[in-house]
Amino acid sequence: MKNAIIKFIVTGLSLFVADGLLDSVTLVDTKSLLLAAIVLGLANAIIRPILIILTLPITLVTLGLFLIAVNLFVYWLASYLVPGFELAGWNGLILGALVTWIVSWALEGILGVD
């Protein structure tokens, strides 16, 4: 439970950083930021593993590069489901997912989250 709360906070912070750094990622208010963190966390915990298993043959053929498409889909899905979390085209999707991933990775490494 403690790790889930820490991951929720880390996801929220990484979305906040992506919103601040990129014009193509917009979080309208704090409510949309919190909701986006919850939806992205749940999508990463539930939907992403299912997609990885379903796309395993394609992932193997592309030597793992298809996982990028899976990650982008999960990020897009979160933005689609959360009102107030908007991505401006492909730039917002790709750069937003990249910034969110880098910041989450760094914060989880610093905090020692599994």
C-alpha atoms as a PDB file:
ATOM      1  CA  MET A   1       0.000   0.000   0.000  1.00  0.00           C
ATOM      2  CA  LYS A   2       2.847   2.354   0.853  1.00  0.00           C
ATOM      3  CA  ASN A   3       4.481   1.770  -2.548  1.00  0.00           C
ATOM      4  CA  ALA A   4       1.165   2.429  -4.325  1.00  0.00           C
ATOM      5  CA  ILE A   5       0.792   5.790  -2.601  1.00  0.00           C
ATOM      6  CA  ILE A   6       4.393   6.722  -3.378  1.00  0.00           C
ATOM      7  CA  LYS A   7       3.909   5.722  -7.032  1.00  0.00           C
ATOM      8  CA  PHE A   8       0.725   7.825  -7.178  1.00  0.00           C
ATOM      9  CA  ILE A   9       2.617  10.852  -5.841  1.00  0.00           C
ATOM     10  CA  VAL A  10       5.538  10.217  -8.205  1.00  0.00           C
ATOM     11  CA  THR A  11       3.174   9.931 -11.175  1.00  0.00           C
ATOM     12  CA  GLY A  12       1.456  13.162 -10.169  1.00  0.00           C
ATOM     13  CA  LEU A  13       4.786  14.961  -9.859  1.00  0.00           C
ATOM     14  CA  SER A  14       5.974  13.653 -13.210  1.00  0.00           C
ATOM     15  CA  LEU A  15       2.759  14.807 -14.886  1.00  0.00           C
ATOM     16  CA  PHE A  16       3.171  18.199 -13.213  1.00  0.00           C
ATOM     17  CA  VAL A  17       6.732  18.466 -14.579  1.00  0.00           C
ATOM     18  CA  ALA A  18       5.577  17.439 -18.071  1.00  0.00           C
ATOM     19  CA  ASP A  19       2.860  20.091 -17.921  1.00  0.00           C
ATOM     20  CA  GLY A  20       5.368  22.724 -16.832  1.00  0.00           C
ATOM     21  CA  LEU A  21       8.056  21.854 -19.372  1.00  0.00           C
ATOM     22  CA  LEU A  22       5.948  21.200 -22.461  1.00  0.00           C
ATOM     23  CA  ASP A  23       3.402  23.437 -24.123  1.00  0.00           C
ATOM     24  CA  SER A  24       1.903  20.403 -25.822  1.00  0.00           C
ATOM     25  CA  VAL A  25       0.848  18.786 -22.515  1.00  0.00           C
ATOM     26  CA  THR A  26      -1.895  20.604 -20.614  1.00  0.00           C
ATOM     27  CA  LEU A  27      -3.382  19.845 -17.227  1.00  0.00           C
ATOM     28  CA  VAL A  28      -6.159  22.345 -16.611  1.00  0.00           C
ATOM     29  CA  ASP A  29      -6.324  22.218 -12.815  1.00  0.00           C
ATOM     30  CA  THR A  30      -5.306  20.240  -9.747  1.00  0.00           C
ATOM     31  CA  LYS A  31      -8.350  17.989 -10.017  1.00  0.00           C
ATOM     32  CA  SER A  32      -7.370  16.898 -13.522  1.00  0.00           C
ATOM     33  CA  LEU A  33      -3.769  16.359 -12.356  1.00  0.00           C
ATOM     34  CA  LEU A  34      -4.874  14.069  -9.514  1.00  0.00           C
ATOM     35  CA  LEU A  35      -7.351  12.218 -11.706  1.00  0.00           C
ATOM     36  CA  ALA A  36      -4.727  11.799 -14.448  1.00  0.00           C
ATOM     37  CA  ALA A  37      -2.262  10.376 -11.914  1.00  0.00           C
ATOM     38  CA  ILE A  38      -4.862   7.868 -10.715  1.00  0.00           C
ATOM     39  CA  VAL A  39      -5.927   6.837 -14.223  1.00  0.00           C
ATOM     40  CA  LEU A  40      -2.342   6.586 -15.485  1.00  0.00           C
ATOM     41  CA  GLY A  41      -1.334   4.548 -12.449  1.00  0.00           C
ATOM     42  CA  LEU A  42      -4.280   2.168 -12.852  1.00  0.00           C
ATOM     43  CA  ALA A  43      -3.698   1.865 -16.596  1.00  0.00           C
ATOM     44  CA  ASN A  44      -0.029   1.043 -16.003  1.00  0.00           C
ATOM     45  CA  ALA A  45      -0.965  -1.523 -13.355  1.00  0.00           C
ATOM     46  CA  ILE A  46      -3.873  -3.218 -15.146  1.00  0.00           C
ATOM     47  CA  ILE A  47      -4.063  -2.475 -18.874  1.00  0.00           C
ATOM     48  CA  ARG A  48      -0.349  -2.288 -19.728  1.00  0.00           C
ATOM     49  CA  PRO A  49       0.516  -5.848 -18.557  1.00  0.00           C
ATOM     50  CA  ILE A  50      -2.437  -7.239 -20.530  1.00  0.00           C
ATOM     51  CA  LEU A  51      -1.309  -5.391 -23.656  1.00  0.00           C
ATOM     52  CA  ILE A  52       2.256  -6.601 -23.194  1.00  0.00           C
ATOM     53  CA  ILE A  53       1.092 -10.217 -23.052  1.00  0.00           C
ATOM     54  CA  LEU A  54      -1.261  -9.812 -26.039  1.00  0.00           C
ATOM     55  CA  THR A  55       1.418  -8.152 -28.173  1.00  0.00           C
ATOM     56  CA  LEU A  56       4.266 -10.447 -27.139  1.00  0.00           C
ATOM     57  CA  PRO A  57       4.814 -11.892 -30.660  1.00  0.00           C
ATOM     58  CA  ILE A  58       5.094  -8.405 -32.190  1.00  0.00           C
ATOM     59  CA  THR A  59       7.350  -7.318 -29.331  1.00  0.00           C
ATOM     60  CA  LEU A  60       9.656 -10.271 -29.909  1.00  0.00           C
ATOM     61  CA  VAL A  61       9.842  -9.653 -33.658  1.00  0.00           C
ATOM     62  CA  THR A  62      10.669  -5.965 -33.106  1.00  0.00           C
ATOM     63  CA  LEU A  63      13.158  -6.834 -30.339  1.00  0.00           C
ATOM     64  CA  GLY A  64      11.142  -4.953 -27.740  1.00  0.00           C
ATOM     65  CA  LEU A  65      10.590  -1.742 -29.679  1.00  0.00           C
ATOM     66  CA  PHE A  66       6.840  -2.335 -29.814  1.00  0.00           C
ATOM     67  CA  LEU A  67       6.724  -1.675 -26.060  1.00  0.00           C
ATOM     68  CA  ILE A  68       7.125   2.005 -26.961  1.00  0.00           C
ATOM     69  CA  ALA A  69       3.804   1.817 -28.809  1.00  0.00           C
ATOM     70  CA  VAL A  70       2.189   0.119 -25.811  1.00  0.00           C
ATOM     71  CA  ASN A  71       3.474   2.853 -23.475  1.00  0.00           C
ATOM     72  CA  LEU A  72       2.283   5.598 -25.818  1.00  0.00           C
ATOM     73  CA  PHE A  73      -1.148   3.975 -26.037  1.00  0.00           C
ATOM     74  CA  VAL A  74      -1.477   3.844 -22.250  1.00  0.00           C
ATOM     75  CA  TYR A  75      -0.455   7.523 -21.970  1.00  0.00           C
ATOM     76  CA  TRP A  76      -2.911   8.487 -24.719  1.00  0.00           C
ATOM     77  CA  LEU A  77      -5.678   6.458 -23.055  1.00  0.00           C
ATOM     78  CA  ALA A  78      -5.160   8.324 -19.792  1.00  0.00           C
ATOM     79  CA  SER A  79      -5.381  11.662 -21.604  1.00  0.00           C
ATOM     80  CA  TYR A  80      -8.497  10.490 -23.443  1.00  0.00           C
ATOM     81  CA  LEU A  81     -10.278   9.403 -20.254  1.00  0.00           C
ATOM     82  CA  VAL A  82      -9.397  12.403 -18.078  1.00  0.00           C
ATOM     83  CA  PRO A  83     -11.107  15.696 -18.848  1.00  0.00           C
ATOM     84  CA  GLY A  84      -8.618  18.510 -18.497  1.00  0.00           C
ATOM     85  CA  PHE A  85      -5.593  16.371 -19.474  1.00  0.00           C
ATOM     86  CA  GLU A  86      -4.907  17.370 -23.057  1.00  0.00           C
ATOM     87  CA  LEU A  87      -2.166  16.444 -25.504  1.00  0.00           C
ATOM     88  CA  ALA A  88      -1.486  18.607 -28.560  1.00  0.00           C
ATOM     89  CA  GLY A  89      -0.911  16.059 -31.290  1.00  0.00           C
ATOM     90  CA  TRP A  90       1.912  13.557 -31.620  1.00  0.00           C
ATOM     91  CA  ASN A  91       4.445  15.924 -30.066  1.00  0.00           C
ATOM     92  CA  GLY A  92       2.428  16.106 -26.877  1.00  0.00           C
ATOM     93  CA  LEU A  93       1.981  12.364 -26.796  1.00  0.00           C
ATOM     94  CA  ILE A  94       5.598  11.394 -27.456  1.00  0.00           C
ATOM     95  CA  LEU A  95       7.338  14.148 -25.491  1.00  0.00           C
ATOM     96  CA  GLY A  96       4.813  14.017 -22.653  1.00  0.00           C
ATOM     97  CA  ALA A  97       5.219  10.274 -22.241  1.00  0.00           C
ATOM     98  CA  LEU A  98       8.999  10.624 -22.424  1.00  0.00           C
ATOM     99  CA  VAL A  99       9.204  13.389 -19.812  1.00  0.00           C
ATOM    100  CA  THR A 100       6.738  11.581 -17.548  1.00  0.00           C
ATOM    101  CA  TRP A 101       8.742   8.355 -17.820  1.00  0.00           C
ATOM    102  CA  ILE A 102      12.120  10.027 -17.165  1.00  0.00           C
ATOM    103  CA  VAL A 103      10.895  11.976 -14.147  1.00  0.00           C
ATOM    104  CA  SER A 104       9.070   8.930 -12.717  1.00  0.00           C
ATOM    105  CA  TRP A 105      12.121   6.737 -13.257  1.00  0.00           C
ATOM    106  CA  ALA A 106      14.421   9.261 -11.547  1.00  0.00           C
ATOM    107  CA  LEU A 107      12.099   9.865  -8.586  1.00  0.00           C
ATOM    108  CA  GLU A 108      11.443   6.163  -8.053  1.00  0.00           C
ATOM    109  CA  GLY A 109      15.187   5.546  -8.163  1.00  0.00           C
ATOM    110  CA  ILE A 110      15.847   8.276  -5.609  1.00  0.00           C
ATOM    111  CA  LEU A 111      13.040   7.061  -3.328  1.00  0.00           C
ATOM    112  CA  GLY A 112      13.888   3.387  -3.794  1.00  0.00           C
ATOM    113  CA  VAL A 113      10.438   2.334  -4.972  1.00  0.00           C
ATOM    114  CA  ASP A 114      10.114  -1.161  -6.476  1.00  0.00           C
END
